[in-house]
PDB file of N, CA and C in Angstrom:
ATOM      1  N   UNK A   1     136.428 115.872 136.964  1.00  0.00           N
ATOM      2  CA  UNK A   1     136.799 114.091 136.254  1.00  0.00           C
ATOM      3  C   UNK A   1     136.768 113.692 135.163  1.00  0.00           C
ATOM      4  N   UNK A   2     136.097 114.611 134.775  1.00  0.00           N
ATOM      5  CA  UNK A   2     135.544 114.621 133.155  1.00  0.00           C
ATOM      6  C   UNK A   2     137.034 115.364 132.099  1.00  0.00           C
ATOM      7  N   UNK A   3     137.744 116.303 132.320  1.00  0.00           N
ATOM      8  CA  UNK A   3     138.684 116.849 131.989  1.00  0.00           C
ATOM      9  C   UNK A   3     140.035 115.877 131.808  1.00  0.00           C
ATOM     10  N   UNK A   4     139.793 114.783 133.231  1.00  0.00           N
ATOM     11  CA  UNK A   4     141.289 114.008 132.877  1.00  0.00           C
ATOM     12  C   UNK A   4     140.574 112.938 132.218  1.00  0.00           C
ATOM     13  N   UNK A   5     138.963 112.734 132.076  1.00  0.00           N
ATOM     14  CA  UNK A   5     138.981 111.914 131.470  1.00  0.00           C
ATOM     15  C   UNK A   5     139.338 111.949 130.062  1.00  0.00           C
ATOM     16  N   UNK A   6     138.843 113.438 129.461  1.00  0.00           N
ATOM     17  CA  UNK A   6     139.363 113.741 127.406  1.00  0.00           C
ATOM     18  C   UNK A   6     140.883 113.519 127.677  1.00  0.00           C
ATOM     19  N   UNK A   7     142.078 114.390 128.629  1.00  0.00           N
ATOM     20  CA  UNK A   7     142.583 114.022 128.602  1.00  0.00           C
ATOM     21  C   UNK A   7     143.526 112.814 128.204  1.00  0.00           C
ATOM     22  N   UNK A   8     142.850 111.794 129.202  1.00  0.00           N
ATOM     23  CA  UNK A   8     143.492 110.304 128.750  1.00  0.00           C
ATOM     24  C   UNK A   8     142.698 110.197 127.341  1.00  0.00           C
ATOM     25  N   UNK A   9     141.560 110.328 127.326  1.00  0.00           N
ATOM     26  CA  UNK A   9     141.893 109.945 125.291  1.00  0.00           C
ATOM     27  C   UNK A   9     142.137 110.272 124.480  1.00  0.00           C
ATOM     28  N   UNK A  10     143.025 111.414 124.718  1.00  0.00           N
ATOM     29  CA  UNK A  10     143.658 112.267 123.538  1.00  0.00           C
ATOM     30  C   UNK A  10     144.809 112.086 124.010  1.00  0.00           C
ATOM     31  N   UNK A  11     144.952 111.434 124.969  1.00  0.00           N
ATOM     32  CA  UNK A  11     146.801 110.879 124.880  1.00  0.00           C
ATOM     33  C   UNK A  11     146.994 109.357 124.290  1.00  0.00           C
ATOM     34  N   UNK A  12     145.585 108.944 124.423  1.00  0.00           N
ATOM     35  CA  UNK A  12     145.218 107.403 123.574  1.00  0.00           C
ATOM     36  C   UNK A  12     145.816 107.455 122.336  1.00  0.00           C
ATOM     37  N   UNK A  13     144.596 108.510 121.296  1.00  0.00           N
ATOM     38  CA  UNK A  13     144.205 108.611 120.831  1.00  0.00           C
ATOM     39  C   UNK A  13     145.353 109.026 119.884  1.00  0.00           C
ATOM     40  N   UNK A  14     146.280 110.844 120.393  1.00  0.00           N
ATOM     41  CA  UNK A  14     148.094 110.797 119.886  1.00  0.00           C
ATOM     42  C   UNK A  14     148.946 108.595 119.467  1.00  0.00           C
ATOM     43  N   UNK A  15     149.139 108.348 120.805  1.00  0.00           N
ATOM     44  CA  UNK A  15     149.442 107.180 120.845  1.00  0.00           C
ATOM     45  C   UNK A  15     149.350 106.138 120.232  1.00  0.00           C
ATOM     46  N   UNK A  16     147.901 106.020 119.667  1.00  0.00           N
ATOM     47  CA  UNK A  16     147.965 104.935 118.437  1.00  0.00           C
ATOM     48  C   UNK A  16     148.133 105.760 117.557  1.00  0.00           C
ATOM     49  N   UNK A  17     147.632 106.814 117.019  1.00  0.00           N
ATOM     50  CA  UNK A  17     148.819 107.961 115.522  1.00  0.00           C
ATOM     51  C   UNK A  17     150.353 107.420 115.418  1.00  0.00           C
ATOM     52  N   UNK A  18     150.687 107.796 116.644  1.00  0.00           N
ATOM     53  CA  UNK A  18     152.089 108.065 116.376  1.00  0.00           C
ATOM     54  C   UNK A  18     153.328 106.537 116.460  1.00  0.00           C
ATOM     55  N   UNK A  19     152.973 105.154 117.371  1.00  0.00           N
ATOM     56  CA  UNK A  19     153.456 104.474 117.441  1.00  0.00           C
ATOM     57  C   UNK A  19     152.871 102.817 116.855  1.00  0.00           C
ATOM     58  N   UNK A  20     153.883 102.895 116.349  1.00  0.00           N
ATOM     59  CA  UNK A  20     153.954 101.962 114.818  1.00  0.00           C
ATOM     60  C   UNK A  20     153.231 100.368 115.961  1.00  0.00           C
ATOM     61  N   UNK A  21     154.129  99.953 116.548  1.00  0.00           N
ATOM     62  CA  UNK A  21     153.213  99.005 117.294  1.00  0.00           C
ATOM     63  C   UNK A  21     152.272  98.819 117.715  1.00  0.00           C
ATOM     64  N   UNK A  22     151.593  99.855 118.406  1.00  0.00           N
ATOM     65  CA  UNK A  22     150.605 100.189 118.287  1.00  0.00           C
ATOM     66  C   UNK A  22     149.470  99.530 116.699  1.00  0.00           C
ATOM     67  N   UNK A  23     150.166 100.075 116.375  1.00  0.00           N
ATOM     68  CA  UNK A  23     149.489  99.388 115.026  1.00  0.00           C
ATOM     69  C   UNK A  23     149.209  98.312 114.412  1.00  0.00           C
ATOM     70  N   UNK A  24     150.788  97.883 114.423  1.00  0.00           N
ATOM     71  CA  UNK A  24     150.819  96.812 114.521  1.00  0.00           C
ATOM     72  C   UNK A  24     150.147  95.152 114.985  1.00  0.00           C
ATOM     73  N   UNK A  25     149.971  95.905 116.458  1.00  0.00           N
ATOM     74  CA  UNK A  25     149.171  94.362 117.817  1.00  0.00           C
ATOM     75  C   UNK A  25     147.537  94.587 117.057  1.00  0.00           C
ATOM     76  N   UNK A  26     146.826  96.559 116.961  1.00  0.00           N
ATOM     77  CA  UNK A  26     145.897  96.360 116.331  1.00  0.00           C
ATOM     78  C   UNK A  26     145.266  95.312 114.862  1.00  0.00           C
ATOM     79  N   UNK A  27     146.000  95.570 114.193  1.00  0.00           N
ATOM     80  CA  UNK A  27     146.362  94.782 112.444  1.00  0.00           C
ATOM     81  C   UNK A  27     145.961  92.811 113.197  1.00  0.00           C
ATOM     82  N   UNK A  28     146.741  92.618 114.020  1.00  0.00           N
ATOM     83  CA  UNK A  28     147.342  91.413 114.371  1.00  0.00           C
ATOM     84  C   UNK A  28     145.812  90.379 115.063  1.00  0.00           C
ATOM     85  N   UNK A  29     145.177  90.576 115.757  1.00  0.00           N
ATOM     86  CA  UNK A  29     144.905  90.791 117.069  1.00  0.00           C
ATOM     87  C   UNK A  29     142.530  91.359 116.808  1.00  0.00           C
ATOM     88  N   UNK A  30     143.028  92.277 116.083  1.00  0.00           N
ATOM     89  CA  UNK A  30     141.838  92.701 115.647  1.00  0.00           C
ATOM     90  C   UNK A  30     141.148  93.601 116.857  1.00  0.00           C
ATOM     91  N   UNK A  31     139.857  93.318 117.409  1.00  0.00           N
ATOM     92  CA  UNK A  31     139.551  94.726 117.739  1.00  0.00           C
ATOM     93  C   UNK A  31     139.552  94.748 119.644  1.00  0.00           C
ATOM     94  N   UNK A  32     140.196  96.204 119.598  1.00  0.00           N
ATOM     95  CA  UNK A  32     140.581  96.179 120.565  1.00  0.00           C
ATOM     96  C   UNK A  32     140.265  95.728 122.043  1.00  0.00           C
ATOM     97  N   UNK A  33     139.080  95.513 121.742  1.00  0.00           N
ATOM     98  CA  UNK A  33     138.759  94.196 123.655  1.00  0.00           C
ATOM     99  C   UNK A  33     139.476  92.901 123.431  1.00  0.00           C
ATOM    100  N   UNK A  34     139.582  92.449 122.450  1.00  0.00           N
ATOM    101  CA  UNK A  34     140.718  91.385 122.673  1.00  0.00           C
ATOM    102  C   UNK A  34     142.566  92.231 122.596  1.00  0.00           C
ATOM    103  N   UNK A  35     142.409  92.275 122.118  1.00  0.00           N
ATOM    104  CA  UNK A  35     144.428  93.363 122.284  1.00  0.00           C
ATOM    105  C   UNK A  35     144.190  93.661 123.947  1.00  0.00           C
ATOM    106  N   UNK A  36     143.153  93.692 124.551  1.00  0.00           N
ATOM    107  CA  UNK A  36     143.145  94.659 125.944  1.00  0.00           C
ATOM    108  C   UNK A  36     143.053  93.038 126.862  1.00  0.00           C
ATOM    109  N   UNK A  37     142.187  92.091 126.213  1.00  0.00           N
ATOM    110  CA  UNK A  37     142.289  90.316 126.541  1.00  0.00           C
ATOM    111  C   UNK A  37     143.657  90.185 126.561  1.00  0.00           C
ATOM    112  N   UNK A  38     144.231  90.114 125.883  1.00  0.00           N
ATOM    113  CA  UNK A  38     145.790  89.106 125.924  1.00  0.00           C
ATOM    114  C   UNK A  38     146.383  90.051 126.659  1.00  0.00           C
ATOM    115  N   UNK A  39     146.317  90.913 126.553  1.00  0.00           N
ATOM    116  CA  UNK A  39     147.204  92.154 128.061  1.00  0.00           C
ATOM    117  C   UNK A  39     146.877  91.754 129.497  1.00  0.00           C
ATOM    118  N   UNK A  40     145.862  92.087 129.343  1.00  0.00           N
ATOM    119  CA  UNK A  40     145.393  91.199 131.026  1.00  0.00           C
ATOM    120  C   UNK A  40     145.887  90.061 131.553  1.00  0.00           C
ATOM    121  N   UNK A  41     145.726  89.347 130.423  1.00  0.00           N
ATOM    122  CA  UNK A  41     146.385  87.600 131.162  1.00  0.00           C
ATOM    123  C   UNK A  41     147.773  87.935 130.901  1.00  0.00           C
ATOM    124  N   UNK A  42     148.806  89.266 130.354  1.00  0.00           N
ATOM    125  CA  UNK A  42     149.768  88.645 130.025  1.00  0.00           C
ATOM    126  C   UNK A  42     150.245  89.923 131.540  1.00  0.00           C
ATOM    127  N   UNK A  43     149.906  90.748 131.895  1.00  0.00           N
ATOM    128  CA  UNK A  43     149.851  91.396 133.155  1.00  0.00           C
ATOM    129  C   UNK A  43     149.983  89.517 133.877  1.00  0.00           C
ATOM    130  N   UNK A  44     148.987  89.389 134.542  1.00  0.00           N
ATOM    131  CA  UNK A  44     148.524  88.327 134.754  1.00  0.00           C
ATOM    132  C   UNK A  44     149.746  87.006 135.778  1.00  0.00           C
ATOM    133  N   UNK A  45     150.223  86.930 134.480  1.00  0.00           N
ATOM    134  CA  UNK A  45     151.599  85.739 134.625  1.00  0.00           C
ATOM    135  C   UNK A  45     153.099  86.344 134.300  1.00  0.00           C
ATOM    136  N   UNK A  46     153.616  88.112 133.940  1.00  0.00           N
ATOM    137  CA  UNK A  46     154.584  87.949 133.713  1.00  0.00           C
ATOM    138  C   UNK A  46     154.786  89.412 134.027  1.00  0.00           C
ATOM    139  N   UNK A  47     156.155  89.612 134.469  1.00  0.00           N
ATOM    140  CA  UNK A  47     156.634  91.426 135.279  1.00  0.00           C
ATOM    141  C   UNK A  47     157.409  92.059 134.326  1.00  0.00           C
ATOM    142  N   UNK A  48     156.401  92.295 132.873  1.00  0.00           N
ATOM    143  CA  UNK A  48     157.143  93.192 131.755  1.00  0.00           C
ATOM    144  C   UNK A  48     157.515  94.610 132.064  1.00  0.00           C
ATOM    145  N   UNK A  49     159.033  95.118 131.380  1.00  0.00           N
ATOM    146  CA  UNK A  49     159.732  96.231 131.728  1.00  0.00           C
ATOM    147  C   UNK A  49     159.376  97.341 131.194  1.00  0.00           C
ATOM    148  N   UNK A  50     158.498  97.863 129.849  1.00  0.00           N
ATOM    149  CA  UNK A  50     158.546  98.241 129.025  1.00  0.00           C
ATOM    150  C   UNK A  50     156.954  98.150 128.559  1.00  0.00           C
ATOM    151  N   UNK A  51     156.126  99.041 128.122  1.00  0.00           N
ATOM    152  CA  UNK A  51     154.934  98.635 127.061  1.00  0.00           C
ATOM    153  C   UNK A  51     155.569  97.974 125.491  1.00  0.00           C
ATOM    154  N   UNK A  52     156.828  98.505 125.293  1.00  0.00           N
ATOM    155  CA  UNK A  52     157.264  98.188 124.044  1.00  0.00           C
ATOM    156  C   UNK A  52     158.121  96.654 123.983  1.00  0.00           C
ATOM    157  N   UNK A  53     158.409  96.102 125.158  1.00  0.00           N
ATOM    158  CA  UNK A  53     158.923  94.691 125.099  1.00  0.00           C
ATOM    159  C   UNK A  53     156.757  93.582 124.893  1.00  0.00           C
ATOM    160  N   UNK A  54     156.209  94.031 125.870  1.00  0.00           N
ATOM    161  CA  UNK A  54     154.444  92.918 125.535  1.00  0.00           C
ATOM    162  C   UNK A  54     154.296  93.250 124.194  1.00  0.00           C
ATOM    163  N   UNK A  55     154.135  94.719 124.007  1.00  0.00           N
ATOM    164  CA  UNK A  55     153.672  94.722 122.172  1.00  0.00           C
ATOM    165  C   UNK A  55     154.584  93.712 121.362  1.00  0.00           C
ATOM    166  N   UNK A  56     155.856  94.063 121.253  1.00  0.00           N
ATOM    167  CA  UNK A  56     156.259  93.230 120.371  1.00  0.00           C
ATOM    168  C   UNK A  56     156.103  91.462 120.796  1.00  0.00           C
ATOM    169  N   UNK A  57     155.649  90.753 121.964  1.00  0.00           N
ATOM    170  CA  UNK A  57     155.454  89.745 122.524  1.00  0.00           C
ATOM    171  C   UNK A  57     154.458  89.269 121.986  1.00  0.00           C
ATOM    172  N   UNK A  58     153.650  90.227 121.941  1.00  0.00           N
ATOM    173  CA  UNK A  58     152.098  89.910 121.128  1.00  0.00           C
ATOM    174  C   UNK A  58     152.420  89.728 119.412  1.00  0.00           C
ATOM    175  N   UNK A  59     153.142  90.473 118.903  1.00  0.00           N
ATOM    176  CA  UNK A  59     152.940  90.776 117.642  1.00  0.00           C
ATOM    177  C   UNK A  59     154.082  88.974 116.821  1.00  0.00           C
ATOM    178  N   UNK A  60     154.734  89.018 117.492  1.00  0.00           N
ATOM    179  CA  UNK A  60     155.745  88.169 116.895  1.00  0.00           C
ATOM    180  C   UNK A  60     156.494  87.377 118.660  1.00  0.00           C
ATOM    181  N   UNK A  61     156.019  86.607 119.090  1.00  0.00           N
ATOM    182  CA  UNK A  61     155.906  86.011 120.493  1.00  0.00           C
ATOM    183  C   UNK A  61     157.795  84.367 119.623  1.00  0.00           C
ATOM    184  N   UNK A  62     157.469  84.724 118.931  1.00  0.00           N
ATOM    185  CA  UNK A  62     158.641  83.322 118.730  1.00  0.00           C
ATOM    186  C   UNK A  62     160.143  84.334 118.601  1.00  0.00           C
ATOM    187  N   UNK A  63     160.140  85.245 117.702  1.00  0.00           N
ATOM    188  CA  UNK A  63     160.938  86.196 117.357  1.00  0.00           C
ATOM    189  C   UNK A  63     160.699  87.454 119.062  1.00  0.00           C
ATOM    190  N   UNK A  64     160.413  87.058 120.134  1.00  0.00           N
ATOM    191  CA  UNK A  64     160.826  87.927 121.105  1.00  0.00           C
ATOM    192  C   UNK A  64     160.080  87.593 122.652  1.00  0.00           C
ATOM    193  N   UNK A  65     160.612  86.845 122.808  1.00  0.00           N
ATOM    194  CA  UNK A  65     160.459  85.807 124.274  1.00  0.00           C
ATOM    195  C   UNK A  65     159.998  86.881 124.955  1.00  0.00           C
ATOM    196  N   UNK A  66     159.060  86.766 126.593  1.00  0.00           N
ATOM    197  CA  UNK A  66     158.772  87.087 127.413  1.00  0.00           C
ATOM    198  C   UNK A  66     159.920  87.352 128.005  1.00  0.00           C
ATOM    199  N   UNK A  67     160.285  88.410 128.861  1.00  0.00           N
ATOM    200  CA  UNK A  67     161.100  88.340 129.448  1.00  0.00           C
ATOM    201  C   UNK A  67     160.638  87.416 131.739  1.00  0.00           C
ATOM    202  N   UNK A  68     162.014  87.160 131.653  1.00  0.00           N
ATOM    203  CA  UNK A  68     161.715  86.492 133.193  1.00  0.00           C
ATOM    204  C   UNK A  68     161.565  86.775 133.970  1.00  0.00           C
ATOM    205  N   UNK A  69     161.889  87.091 135.732  1.00  0.00           N
ATOM    206  CA  UNK A  69     161.606  87.643 136.452  1.00  0.00           C
ATOM    207  C   UNK A  69     162.901  88.412 137.158  1.00  0.00           C
ATOM    208  N   UNK A  70     163.536  88.539 136.166  1.00  0.00           N
ATOM    209  CA  UNK A  70     165.025  89.393 136.622  1.00  0.00           C
ATOM    210  C   UNK A  70     165.498  90.518 134.878  1.00  0.00           C
ATOM    211  N   UNK A  71     164.229  90.307 134.611  1.00  0.00           N
ATOM    212  CA  UNK A  71     164.401  90.949 133.698  1.00  0.00           C
ATOM    213  C   UNK A  71     165.244  90.574 132.044  1.00  0.00           C
ATOM    214  N   UNK A  72     165.490  89.273 132.135  1.00  0.00           N
ATOM    215  CA  UNK A  72     166.228  88.461 131.008  1.00  0.00           C
ATOM    216  C   UNK A  72     165.313  87.760 129.730  1.00  0.00           C
ATOM    217  N   UNK A  73     165.374  87.812 128.853  1.00  0.00           N
ATOM    218  CA  UNK A  73     164.149  86.984 127.687  1.00  0.00           C
ATOM    219  C   UNK A  73     164.316  85.421 128.480  1.00  0.00           C
ATOM    220  N   UNK A  74     163.973  84.431 128.132  1.00  0.00           N
ATOM    221  CA  UNK A  74     164.236  83.096 128.257  1.00  0.00           C
ATOM    222  C   UNK A  74     164.361  82.615 127.110  1.00  0.00           C
ATOM    223  N   UNK A  75     165.642  81.437 127.063  1.00  0.00           N
ATOM    224  CA  UNK A  75     164.685  80.817 125.743  1.00  0.00           C
ATOM    225  C   UNK A  75     164.072  80.130 125.348  1.00  0.00           C
ATOM    226  N   UNK A  76     163.812  80.203 124.142  1.00  0.00           N
ATOM    227  CA  UNK A  76     162.770  80.328 123.521  1.00  0.00           C
ATOM    228  C   UNK A  76     162.720  78.683 121.820  1.00  0.00           C
ATOM    229  N   UNK A  77     162.916  77.053 122.607  1.00  0.00           N
ATOM    230  CA  UNK A  77     163.453  76.348 121.395  1.00  0.00           C
ATOM    231  C   UNK A  77     162.237  76.570 120.652  1.00  0.00           C
ATOM    232  N   UNK A  78     162.816  76.236 119.566  1.00  0.00           N
ATOM    233  CA  UNK A  78     162.207  76.712 118.014  1.00  0.00           C
ATOM    234  C   UNK A  78     161.890  75.087 117.103  1.00  0.00           C
TER     235      UNK A  78
END
């Protein structure tokens, strides 16, 4: 169990260093507990195809609307 926890931690750290979307998300929303709370609330409302879809919505909701139940973007009036 300890080895799996360390492996998960290392994968998370590598992803944080390499993923530009995660960096932008952290810059916009602050502490990770706030980011994870937003992600948790989004999972309760919408089905996501990819993590990048979710991250882009949280970074810039006007330009990246959430998908509908059929995997297509919902038109958002501006």
